[in-house]
Amino acid sequence: MKSMTTPILRTIGILVATAVSLTLTHPCLALEYIRIRSNAVNIREAPDTKAASIAKASEGDIFELIREDGDWYSIEMFSGVPRFVHMDHAEKTEFRLDITMPPDAHAATVEVLKSIRAKARREADALYPLRNADEGPTSSQFDLNSKLLNELLDRYMLEALRNKNLQPPMYWYFVVEDEIAEMEKTPAATQ
């Protein structure tokens, strides 16, 4: 029996890309977003002013709203870990994905995002190595590595998108498009 994994993954990728595209562009399926109203707004790891600041948002930055949590907005970041912005510094807004980017600029953006992911991984591994020649990583080492990796991803991806004048919700478009392109490079399983 031949493997059906590749066609199945390709189909799943196309369905995910379609769902992301429809969600970001179709008004009936639109997600909720917030727009930052101030400069240097702390994006925190918990809904508390004493919680660690993961990154700084700039005036005009837009983030996908997950939910409201008291006086805080829980937002979607690049690591997939919910982060928090105080309501005093943001407001709900509408956002429509507008991809009018030449293919070479799109490819360059994908490469920048890949390099940032690799940079964050290298830095997290340097501080909290997961490869121990004798025993492997401890659970606390793994937890510290994972936490730092997520913080670095959120910080570095925000900076990179801002440098390219792209809003954070557009990140998922580039990720899904890149994953589909990678799947298309994989030869389909023969029958």
N, C-alpha and C. Protein backbone atom coordinates (compact mmCIF):
# COMPACT_ATOMS: atom_id res chain seq x y z
N MET A 1 0.85 -1.19 0.00
CA MET A 1 0.00 0.00 0.00
C MET A 1 0.89 1.24 0.00
N LYS A 2 0.65 2.12 -0.94
CA LYS A 2 1.46 3.34 -1.08
C LYS A 2 0.98 4.41 -0.10
N SER A 3 1.91 5.27 0.26
CA SER A 3 1.60 6.33 1.22
C SER A 3 0.69 7.39 0.60
N MET A 4 -0.30 7.80 1.35
CA MET A 4 -1.22 8.86 0.91
C MET A 4 -0.95 10.14 1.70
N THR A 5 0.11 10.16 2.50
CA THR A 5 0.39 11.29 3.38
C THR A 5 0.55 12.59 2.61
N THR A 6 1.35 12.58 1.54
CA THR A 6 1.62 13.82 0.81
C THR A 6 0.36 14.43 0.21
N PRO A 7 -0.49 13.67 -0.52
CA PRO A 7 -1.72 14.28 -1.05
C PRO A 7 -2.65 14.78 0.06
N ILE A 8 -2.69 14.05 1.16
CA ILE A 8 -3.56 14.46 2.26
C ILE A 8 -3.05 15.77 2.86
N LEU A 9 -1.73 15.85 3.10
CA LEU A 9 -1.16 17.09 3.64
C LEU A 9 -1.36 18.25 2.67
N ARG A 10 -1.19 18.00 1.39
CA ARG A 10 -1.38 19.06 0.39
C ARG A 10 -2.82 19.57 0.44
N THR A 11 -3.79 18.64 0.52
CA THR A 11 -5.20 19.02 0.59
C THR A 11 -5.49 19.81 1.85
N ILE A 12 -4.94 19.35 2.98
CA ILE A 12 -5.14 20.08 4.24
C ILE A 12 -4.54 21.48 4.13
N GLY A 13 -3.35 21.60 3.57
CA GLY A 13 -2.71 22.90 3.39
C GLY A 13 -3.54 23.85 2.55
N ILE A 14 -4.10 23.33 1.46
CA ILE A 14 -4.93 24.17 0.59
C ILE A 14 -6.19 24.61 1.33
N LEU A 15 -6.80 23.70 2.09
CA LEU A 15 -7.99 24.06 2.86
C LEU A 15 -7.68 25.12 3.91
N VAL A 16 -6.54 24.98 4.59
CA VAL A 16 -6.15 25.97 5.61
C VAL A 16 -5.90 27.32 4.94
N ALA A 17 -5.19 27.31 3.81
CA ALA A 17 -4.91 28.57 3.11
C ALA A 17 -6.20 29.25 2.67
N THR A 18 -7.13 28.47 2.18
CA THR A 18 -8.42 29.02 1.76
C THR A 18 -9.16 29.62 2.95
N ALA A 19 -9.16 28.89 4.06
CA ALA A 19 -9.84 29.40 5.27
C ALA A 19 -9.19 30.68 5.75
N VAL A 20 -7.87 30.74 5.79
CA VAL A 20 -7.17 31.96 6.22
C VAL A 20 -7.49 33.10 5.27
N SER A 21 -7.42 32.83 3.98
CA SER A 21 -7.69 33.87 2.99
C SER A 21 -9.11 34.41 3.13
N LEU A 22 -10.09 33.50 3.25
CA LEU A 22 -11.48 33.94 3.40
C LEU A 22 -11.68 34.69 4.71
N THR A 23 -11.09 34.19 5.76
CA THR A 23 -11.25 34.84 7.06
C THR A 23 -10.70 36.25 7.05
N LEU A 24 -9.56 36.46 6.39
CA LEU A 24 -8.93 37.77 6.39
C LEU A 24 -9.50 38.73 5.36
N THR A 25 -10.22 38.20 4.35
CA THR A 25 -10.68 39.09 3.29
C THR A 25 -12.20 39.19 3.17
N HIS A 26 -12.94 38.22 3.62
CA HIS A 26 -14.38 38.22 3.46
C HIS A 26 -15.05 38.88 4.67
N PRO A 27 -15.84 39.94 4.44
CA PRO A 27 -16.40 40.68 5.58
C PRO A 27 -17.29 39.85 6.50
N CYS A 28 -17.97 38.84 5.98
CA CYS A 28 -18.85 38.04 6.82
C CYS A 28 -18.06 37.13 7.76
N LEU A 29 -16.83 36.83 7.39
CA LEU A 29 -16.01 35.93 8.19
C LEU A 29 -14.91 36.66 8.94
N ALA A 30 -14.96 37.97 8.94
CA ALA A 30 -13.87 38.77 9.51
C ALA A 30 -13.70 38.49 10.99
N LEU A 31 -12.46 38.45 11.38
CA LEU A 31 -12.10 38.32 12.78
C LEU A 31 -12.16 39.70 13.42
N GLU A 32 -12.02 39.75 14.73
CA GLU A 32 -11.94 41.04 15.42
C GLU A 32 -10.48 41.43 15.56
N TYR A 33 -10.23 42.72 15.48
CA TYR A 33 -8.88 43.25 15.57
C TYR A 33 -8.85 44.44 16.51
N ILE A 34 -7.64 44.73 17.01
CA ILE A 34 -7.43 45.96 17.77
C ILE A 34 -6.33 46.75 17.09
N ARG A 35 -6.39 48.06 17.25
CA ARG A 35 -5.35 48.97 16.75
C ARG A 35 -4.74 49.67 17.94
N ILE A 36 -3.42 49.71 17.98
CA ILE A 36 -2.70 50.36 19.07
C ILE A 36 -2.78 51.87 18.89
N ARG A 37 -3.13 52.60 19.97
CA ARG A 37 -3.32 54.05 19.91
C ARG A 37 -2.15 54.86 20.42
N SER A 38 -1.15 54.22 20.98
CA SER A 38 -0.01 54.93 21.57
C SER A 38 1.29 54.29 21.08
N ASN A 39 2.39 54.97 21.32
CA ASN A 39 3.69 54.40 20.98
C ASN A 39 4.28 53.66 22.17
N ALA A 40 5.13 52.69 21.89
CA ALA A 40 5.86 51.92 22.89
C ALA A 40 4.92 51.28 23.93
N VAL A 41 3.86 50.65 23.43
CA VAL A 41 2.90 49.98 24.32
C VAL A 41 3.42 48.58 24.63
N ASN A 42 3.44 48.25 25.92
CA ASN A 42 3.90 46.93 26.34
C ASN A 42 2.92 45.85 25.89
N ILE A 43 3.47 44.82 25.28
CA ILE A 43 2.72 43.60 25.00
C ILE A 43 3.19 42.62 26.07
N ARG A 44 2.27 42.22 26.94
CA ARG A 44 2.66 41.46 28.13
C ARG A 44 2.30 39.98 28.02
N GLU A 45 2.99 39.18 28.84
CA GLU A 45 2.73 37.75 28.82
C GLU A 45 1.51 37.35 29.64
N ALA A 46 0.98 38.26 30.44
CA ALA A 46 -0.22 38.01 31.24
C ALA A 46 -0.96 39.33 31.41
N PRO A 47 -2.25 39.29 31.74
CA PRO A 47 -3.03 40.52 31.90
C PRO A 47 -2.77 41.20 33.24
N ASP A 48 -1.56 41.72 33.38
CA ASP A 48 -1.14 42.33 34.63
C ASP A 48 0.02 43.28 34.33
N THR A 49 0.00 44.48 34.88
CA THR A 49 1.09 45.43 34.62
C THR A 49 2.41 44.97 35.20
N LYS A 50 2.38 44.00 36.09
CA LYS A 50 3.62 43.44 36.65
C LYS A 50 4.17 42.29 35.79
N ALA A 51 3.38 41.81 34.84
CA ALA A 51 3.82 40.71 33.98
C ALA A 51 4.91 41.19 33.03
N ALA A 52 5.77 40.28 32.63
CA ALA A 52 6.88 40.62 31.73
C ALA A 52 6.36 41.19 30.41
N SER A 53 7.08 42.19 29.92
CA SER A 53 6.78 42.77 28.61
C SER A 53 7.55 41.96 27.56
N ILE A 54 6.83 41.41 26.60
CA ILE A 54 7.42 40.56 25.57
C ILE A 54 7.95 41.41 24.42
N ALA A 55 7.21 42.46 24.08
CA ALA A 55 7.58 43.33 22.95
C ALA A 55 6.89 44.68 23.15
N LYS A 56 7.23 45.62 22.31
CA LYS A 56 6.60 46.95 22.33
C LYS A 56 5.82 47.13 21.03
N ALA A 57 4.55 47.48 21.17
CA ALA A 57 3.72 47.78 20.01
C ALA A 57 3.83 49.27 19.71
N SER A 58 3.69 49.62 18.44
CA SER A 58 3.74 51.02 18.01
C SER A 58 2.35 51.49 17.62
N GLU A 59 2.16 52.79 17.68
CA GLU A 59 0.89 53.37 17.27
C GLU A 59 0.56 52.91 15.85
N GLY A 60 -0.66 52.42 15.67
CA GLY A 60 -1.10 51.96 14.36
C GLY A 60 -0.96 50.47 14.15
N ASP A 61 -0.18 49.77 14.99
CA ASP A 61 -0.08 48.32 14.86
C ASP A 61 -1.46 47.70 15.05
N ILE A 62 -1.73 46.66 14.28
CA ILE A 62 -3.02 45.97 14.36
C ILE A 62 -2.75 44.51 14.73
N PHE A 63 -3.56 44.00 15.65
CA PHE A 63 -3.44 42.62 16.10
C PHE A 63 -4.81 41.96 16.09
N GLU A 64 -4.80 40.65 15.88
CA GLU A 64 -6.04 39.88 15.97
C GLU A 64 -6.43 39.78 17.45
N LEU A 65 -7.68 40.07 17.73
CA LEU A 65 -8.21 39.99 19.09
C LEU A 65 -8.71 38.58 19.36
N ILE A 66 -8.21 37.99 20.43
CA ILE A 66 -8.68 36.67 20.84
C ILE A 66 -9.91 36.82 21.73
N ARG A 67 -9.77 37.68 22.74
CA ARG A 67 -10.88 37.92 23.67
C ARG A 67 -10.53 39.12 24.56
N GLU A 68 -11.52 39.58 25.28
CA GLU A 68 -11.29 40.61 26.29
C GLU A 68 -11.14 39.90 27.63
N ASP A 69 -10.20 40.38 28.43
CA ASP A 69 -9.91 39.76 29.72
C ASP A 69 -9.82 40.89 30.75
N GLY A 70 -10.96 41.26 31.32
CA GLY A 70 -10.99 42.41 32.24
C GLY A 70 -10.67 43.68 31.48
N ASP A 71 -9.63 44.40 31.91
CA ASP A 71 -9.20 45.64 31.23
C ASP A 71 -8.15 45.38 30.17
N TRP A 72 -8.04 44.13 29.72
CA TRP A 72 -6.98 43.75 28.80
C TRP A 72 -7.57 43.11 27.54
N TYR A 73 -6.87 43.32 26.44
CA TYR A 73 -7.15 42.59 25.21
C TYR A 73 -6.15 41.44 25.12
N SER A 74 -6.64 40.26 24.90
CA SER A 74 -5.78 39.11 24.61
C SER A 74 -5.63 39.07 23.10
N ILE A 75 -4.38 39.07 22.63
CA ILE A 75 -4.13 39.16 21.19
C ILE A 75 -3.36 37.94 20.68
N GLU A 76 -3.51 37.70 19.39
CA GLU A 76 -2.78 36.62 18.72
C GLU A 76 -1.42 37.15 18.28
N MET A 77 -0.40 36.41 18.68
CA MET A 77 0.96 36.77 18.24
C MET A 77 1.51 35.62 17.39
N PHE A 78 2.74 35.73 16.99
CA PHE A 78 3.35 34.83 16.02
C PHE A 78 3.67 33.46 16.60
N SER A 79 3.90 33.39 17.90
CA SER A 79 4.24 32.13 18.55
C SER A 79 2.99 31.27 18.79
N GLY A 80 1.81 31.88 18.70
CA GLY A 80 0.58 31.18 19.02
C GLY A 80 0.21 31.29 20.49
N VAL A 81 1.09 31.91 21.29
CA VAL A 81 0.83 32.11 22.71
C VAL A 81 0.07 33.43 22.87
N PRO A 82 -1.08 33.42 23.56
CA PRO A 82 -1.81 34.68 23.75
C PRO A 82 -0.95 35.69 24.52
N ARG A 83 -1.01 36.93 24.07
CA ARG A 83 -0.31 38.05 24.73
C ARG A 83 -1.37 39.09 25.07
N PHE A 84 -0.98 40.11 25.85
CA PHE A 84 -1.97 41.03 26.39
C PHE A 84 -1.56 42.49 26.23
N VAL A 85 -2.55 43.31 25.86
CA VAL A 85 -2.39 44.76 25.72
C VAL A 85 -3.49 45.41 26.54
N HIS A 86 -3.13 46.40 27.35
CA HIS A 86 -4.14 47.08 28.17
C HIS A 86 -5.08 47.89 27.28
N MET A 87 -6.36 47.88 27.62
CA MET A 87 -7.38 48.56 26.82
C MET A 87 -7.16 50.07 26.73
N ASP A 88 -6.45 50.65 27.68
CA ASP A 88 -6.19 52.10 27.63
C ASP A 88 -5.37 52.48 26.40
N HIS A 89 -4.66 51.51 25.81
CA HIS A 89 -3.73 51.81 24.72
C HIS A 89 -4.17 51.26 23.37
N ALA A 90 -5.39 50.72 23.30
CA ALA A 90 -5.84 50.11 22.05
C ALA A 90 -7.35 50.26 21.91
N GLU A 91 -7.80 50.07 20.68
CA GLU A 91 -9.24 50.12 20.42
C GLU A 91 -9.58 49.09 19.35
N LYS A 92 -10.81 48.61 19.38
CA LYS A 92 -11.24 47.68 18.34
C LYS A 92 -11.28 48.41 17.00
N THR A 93 -10.95 47.68 15.95
CA THR A 93 -10.93 48.27 14.61
C THR A 93 -11.25 47.20 13.58
N GLU A 94 -11.46 47.64 12.36
CA GLU A 94 -11.64 46.70 11.26
C GLU A 94 -10.32 46.60 10.51
N PHE A 95 -10.10 45.44 9.92
CA PHE A 95 -8.87 45.22 9.15
C PHE A 95 -9.18 44.28 8.01
N ARG A 96 -8.72 44.64 6.84
CA ARG A 96 -8.86 43.78 5.67
C ARG A 96 -7.47 43.54 5.09
N LEU A 97 -7.21 42.28 4.87
CA LEU A 97 -5.93 41.90 4.30
C LEU A 97 -5.87 42.38 2.85
N ASP A 98 -4.82 43.10 2.52
CA ASP A 98 -4.62 43.58 1.16
C ASP A 98 -3.23 43.16 0.71
N ILE A 99 -3.19 42.11 -0.07
CA ILE A 99 -1.91 41.61 -0.56
C ILE A 99 -1.72 42.12 -1.99
N THR A 100 -0.99 43.18 -2.10
CA THR A 100 -0.64 43.72 -3.42
C THR A 100 0.87 43.84 -3.45
N MET A 101 1.50 42.69 -3.43
CA MET A 101 2.95 42.64 -3.32
C MET A 101 3.51 41.88 -4.53
N PRO A 102 4.53 42.42 -5.17
CA PRO A 102 5.15 41.69 -6.28
C PRO A 102 5.72 40.36 -5.78
N PRO A 103 5.74 39.34 -6.64
CA PRO A 103 6.22 38.01 -6.22
C PRO A 103 7.62 38.02 -5.61
N ASP A 104 8.53 38.84 -6.14
CA ASP A 104 9.88 38.86 -5.57
C ASP A 104 9.89 39.45 -4.16
N ALA A 105 9.06 40.44 -3.90
CA ALA A 105 8.96 41.02 -2.55
C ALA A 105 8.32 40.01 -1.60
N HIS A 106 7.33 39.26 -2.10
CA HIS A 106 6.69 38.23 -1.30
C HIS A 106 7.72 37.17 -0.91
N ALA A 107 8.48 36.69 -1.88
CA ALA A 107 9.50 35.68 -1.62
C ALA A 107 10.54 36.19 -0.63
N ALA A 108 10.93 37.44 -0.77
CA ALA A 108 11.92 38.03 0.15
C ALA A 108 11.36 38.09 1.57
N THR A 109 10.09 38.42 1.70
CA THR A 109 9.46 38.49 3.02
C THR A 109 9.42 37.10 3.66
N VAL A 110 9.07 36.09 2.89
CA VAL A 110 9.05 34.72 3.41
C VAL A 110 10.45 34.34 3.90
N GLU A 111 11.47 34.69 3.14
CA GLU A 111 12.85 34.36 3.55
C GLU A 111 13.24 35.09 4.83
N VAL A 112 12.84 36.34 4.97
CA VAL A 112 13.13 37.09 6.20
C VAL A 112 12.46 36.40 7.40
N LEU A 113 11.20 36.02 7.23
CA LEU A 113 10.48 35.37 8.33
C LEU A 113 11.12 34.02 8.69
N LYS A 114 11.56 33.28 7.69
CA LYS A 114 12.26 32.01 7.95
C LYS A 114 13.56 32.26 8.72
N SER A 115 14.30 33.28 8.32
CA SER A 115 15.58 33.56 8.98
C SER A 115 15.36 34.01 10.43
N ILE A 116 14.27 34.72 10.66
CA ILE A 116 13.97 35.15 12.03
C ILE A 116 13.60 33.96 12.89
N ARG A 117 12.84 33.04 12.34
CA ARG A 117 12.50 31.82 13.09
C ARG A 117 13.79 31.07 13.45
N ALA A 118 14.71 30.95 12.51
CA ALA A 118 15.98 30.25 12.76
C ALA A 118 16.81 31.01 13.80
N LYS A 119 16.84 32.34 13.71
CA LYS A 119 17.59 33.16 14.68
C LYS A 119 17.04 32.96 16.10
N ALA A 120 15.71 32.99 16.24
CA ALA A 120 15.10 32.80 17.55
C ALA A 120 15.42 31.41 18.09
N ARG A 121 15.37 30.41 17.21
CA ARG A 121 15.69 29.03 17.63
C ARG A 121 17.15 28.94 18.10
N ARG A 122 18.09 29.53 17.34
CA ARG A 122 19.50 29.49 17.73
C ARG A 122 19.71 30.15 19.09
N GLU A 123 19.09 31.31 19.30
CA GLU A 123 19.27 32.03 20.57
C GLU A 123 18.67 31.27 21.75
N ALA A 124 17.50 30.68 21.56
CA ALA A 124 16.88 29.89 22.64
C ALA A 124 17.73 28.66 22.94
N ASP A 125 18.23 28.00 21.89
CA ASP A 125 19.06 26.81 22.08
C ASP A 125 20.39 27.16 22.74
N ALA A 126 20.92 28.35 22.44
CA ALA A 126 22.20 28.75 23.05
C ALA A 126 22.04 28.95 24.56
N LEU A 127 20.94 29.52 24.98
CA LEU A 127 20.72 29.77 26.41
C LEU A 127 20.23 28.53 27.15
N TYR A 128 19.36 27.77 26.49
CA TYR A 128 18.77 26.57 27.11
C TYR A 128 18.89 25.40 26.12
N PRO A 129 20.08 24.81 26.02
CA PRO A 129 20.30 23.75 25.02
C PRO A 129 19.36 22.56 25.23
N LEU A 130 18.85 22.05 24.12
CA LEU A 130 17.98 20.88 24.18
C LEU A 130 18.75 19.60 23.88
N ARG A 131 19.99 19.75 23.48
CA ARG A 131 20.79 18.58 23.15
C ARG A 131 21.86 18.37 24.22
N ASN A 132 21.64 17.39 25.02
CA ASN A 132 22.61 17.03 26.06
C ASN A 132 23.15 15.65 25.70
N ALA A 133 24.44 15.54 25.49
CA ALA A 133 25.04 14.30 25.01
C ALA A 133 24.73 13.11 25.92
N ASP A 134 24.61 13.34 27.20
CA ASP A 134 24.41 12.22 28.13
C ASP A 134 22.96 11.81 28.30
N GLU A 135 22.09 12.78 28.59
CA GLU A 135 20.73 12.44 29.01
C GLU A 135 19.62 13.07 28.18
N GLY A 136 19.90 14.09 27.44
CA GLY A 136 18.84 14.83 26.77
C GLY A 136 18.38 15.95 27.68
N PRO A 137 17.48 16.78 27.20
CA PRO A 137 17.05 17.94 28.00
C PRO A 137 16.14 17.53 29.16
N THR A 138 16.25 18.28 30.24
CA THR A 138 15.32 18.08 31.34
C THR A 138 14.03 18.79 30.99
N SER A 139 12.97 18.48 31.69
CA SER A 139 11.69 19.13 31.39
C SER A 139 11.76 20.62 31.67
N SER A 140 12.48 21.03 32.72
CA SER A 140 12.59 22.47 33.00
C SER A 140 13.42 23.16 31.92
N GLN A 141 14.45 22.49 31.41
CA GLN A 141 15.26 23.05 30.33
C GLN A 141 14.40 23.22 29.07
N PHE A 142 13.59 22.21 28.78
CA PHE A 142 12.69 22.29 27.63
C PHE A 142 11.69 23.43 27.81
N ASP A 143 11.11 23.55 29.00
CA ASP A 143 10.14 24.62 29.27
C ASP A 143 10.77 26.00 29.11
N LEU A 144 11.99 26.18 29.63
CA LEU A 144 12.67 27.47 29.52
C LEU A 144 13.02 27.78 28.06
N ASN A 145 13.46 26.78 27.33
CA ASN A 145 13.78 26.96 25.92
C ASN A 145 12.53 27.36 25.15
N SER A 146 11.45 26.66 25.38
CA SER A 146 10.19 26.93 24.68
C SER A 146 9.65 28.33 24.99
N LYS A 147 9.70 28.70 26.27
CA LYS A 147 9.22 30.03 26.68
C LYS A 147 10.05 31.13 26.01
N LEU A 148 11.38 30.98 26.05
CA LEU A 148 12.24 31.99 25.42
C LEU A 148 12.04 32.02 23.92
N LEU A 149 11.94 30.87 23.30
CA LEU A 149 11.71 30.81 21.85
C LEU A 149 10.44 31.57 21.48
N ASN A 150 9.35 31.35 22.20
CA ASN A 150 8.09 32.04 21.92
C ASN A 150 8.21 33.54 22.10
N GLU A 151 8.90 33.97 23.16
CA GLU A 151 9.10 35.41 23.39
C GLU A 151 9.92 36.03 22.26
N LEU A 152 10.99 35.35 21.86
CA LEU A 152 11.84 35.88 20.78
C LEU A 152 11.09 35.91 19.45
N LEU A 153 10.33 34.88 19.16
CA LEU A 153 9.53 34.87 17.93
C LEU A 153 8.59 36.07 17.90
N ASP A 154 7.88 36.29 19.00
CA ASP A 154 6.93 37.40 19.04
C ASP A 154 7.64 38.74 18.86
N ARG A 155 8.75 38.92 19.52
CA ARG A 155 9.48 40.19 19.45
C ARG A 155 10.09 40.40 18.06
N TYR A 156 10.82 39.41 17.57
CA TYR A 156 11.53 39.56 16.30
C TYR A 156 10.58 39.63 15.09
N MET A 157 9.51 38.84 15.11
CA MET A 157 8.57 38.87 13.98
C MET A 157 7.86 40.22 13.92
N LEU A 158 7.50 40.77 15.08
CA LEU A 158 6.85 42.08 15.10
C LEU A 158 7.79 43.13 14.50
N GLU A 159 9.05 43.11 14.91
CA GLU A 159 10.02 44.07 14.37
C GLU A 159 10.19 43.90 12.86
N ALA A 160 10.28 42.66 12.40
CA ALA A 160 10.50 42.40 10.97
C ALA A 160 9.31 42.86 10.13
N LEU A 161 8.11 42.55 10.58
CA LEU A 161 6.93 42.98 9.83
C LEU A 161 6.81 44.50 9.82
N ARG A 162 7.11 45.12 10.96
CA ARG A 162 7.06 46.58 11.03
C ARG A 162 8.08 47.18 10.05
N ASN A 163 9.27 46.59 9.96
CA ASN A 163 10.29 47.08 9.03
C ASN A 163 9.86 46.96 7.57
N LYS A 164 8.95 46.05 7.28
CA LYS A 164 8.45 45.86 5.93
C LYS A 164 7.10 46.56 5.73
N ASN A 165 6.68 47.35 6.72
CA ASN A 165 5.39 48.05 6.68
C ASN A 165 4.21 47.09 6.50
N LEU A 166 4.28 45.97 7.20
CA LEU A 166 3.20 44.98 7.16
C LEU A 166 2.59 44.85 8.54
N GLN A 167 1.29 44.64 8.59
CA GLN A 167 0.60 44.47 9.86
C GLN A 167 0.72 43.03 10.34
N PRO A 168 0.79 42.80 11.66
CA PRO A 168 0.95 41.46 12.21
C PRO A 168 -0.04 40.40 11.68
N PRO A 169 -1.33 40.71 11.46
CA PRO A 169 -2.21 39.63 10.95
C PRO A 169 -1.76 39.07 9.59
N MET A 170 -0.95 39.82 8.85
CA MET A 170 -0.49 39.34 7.55
C MET A 170 0.53 38.21 7.69
N TYR A 171 1.10 38.05 8.85
CA TYR A 171 2.08 36.98 9.10
C TYR A 171 1.52 35.62 8.69
N TRP A 172 0.29 35.35 9.08
CA TRP A 172 -0.30 34.03 8.82
C TRP A 172 -0.44 33.79 7.33
N TYR A 173 -0.67 34.83 6.56
CA TYR A 173 -0.74 34.69 5.10
C TYR A 173 0.60 34.16 4.58
N PHE A 174 1.70 34.75 5.01
CA PHE A 174 3.01 34.34 4.54
C PHE A 174 3.36 32.93 5.01
N VAL A 175 3.00 32.59 6.24
CA VAL A 175 3.29 31.26 6.78
C VAL A 175 2.54 30.20 5.99
N VAL A 176 1.24 30.40 5.79
CA VAL A 176 0.43 29.41 5.07
C VAL A 176 0.89 29.30 3.62
N GLU A 177 1.14 30.43 2.97
CA GLU A 177 1.61 30.39 1.58
C GLU A 177 2.92 29.63 1.48
N ASP A 178 3.83 29.84 2.40
CA ASP A 178 5.12 29.15 2.38
C ASP A 178 4.95 27.66 2.61
N GLU A 179 4.08 27.28 3.54
CA GLU A 179 3.86 25.86 3.80
C GLU A 179 3.26 25.17 2.58
N ILE A 180 2.36 25.82 1.88
CA ILE A 180 1.79 25.25 0.66
C ILE A 180 2.87 25.10 -0.40
N ALA A 181 3.71 26.11 -0.55
CA ALA A 181 4.79 26.04 -1.54
C ALA A 181 5.72 24.87 -1.23
N GLU A 182 6.02 24.66 0.06
CA GLU A 182 6.88 23.54 0.45
C GLU A 182 6.20 22.20 0.13
N MET A 183 4.90 22.11 0.37
CA MET A 183 4.17 20.87 0.07
C MET A 183 4.16 20.61 -1.43
N GLU A 184 4.03 21.66 -2.22
CA GLU A 184 3.99 21.50 -3.67
C GLU A 184 5.33 21.02 -4.22
N LYS A 185 6.43 21.28 -3.50
CA LYS A 185 7.74 20.80 -3.92
C LYS A 185 7.89 19.30 -3.68
N THR A 186 7.11 18.77 -2.73
CA THR A 186 7.19 17.36 -2.40
C THR A 186 6.46 16.57 -3.48
N PRO A 187 7.13 15.59 -4.08
CA PRO A 187 6.45 14.80 -5.12
C PRO A 187 5.26 14.06 -4.53
N ALA A 188 4.17 14.03 -5.29
CA ALA A 188 2.97 13.32 -4.85
C ALA A 188 3.26 11.84 -4.82
N ALA A 189 2.62 11.16 -3.88
CA ALA A 189 2.79 9.70 -3.79
C ALA A 189 2.24 9.05 -5.05
N THR A 190 2.97 8.10 -5.55
CA THR A 190 2.51 7.42 -6.77
C THR A 190 1.48 6.38 -6.40
N GLN A 191 0.59 6.15 -7.31
CA GLN A 191 -0.49 5.17 -7.08
C GLN A 191 -0.02 3.78 -7.37
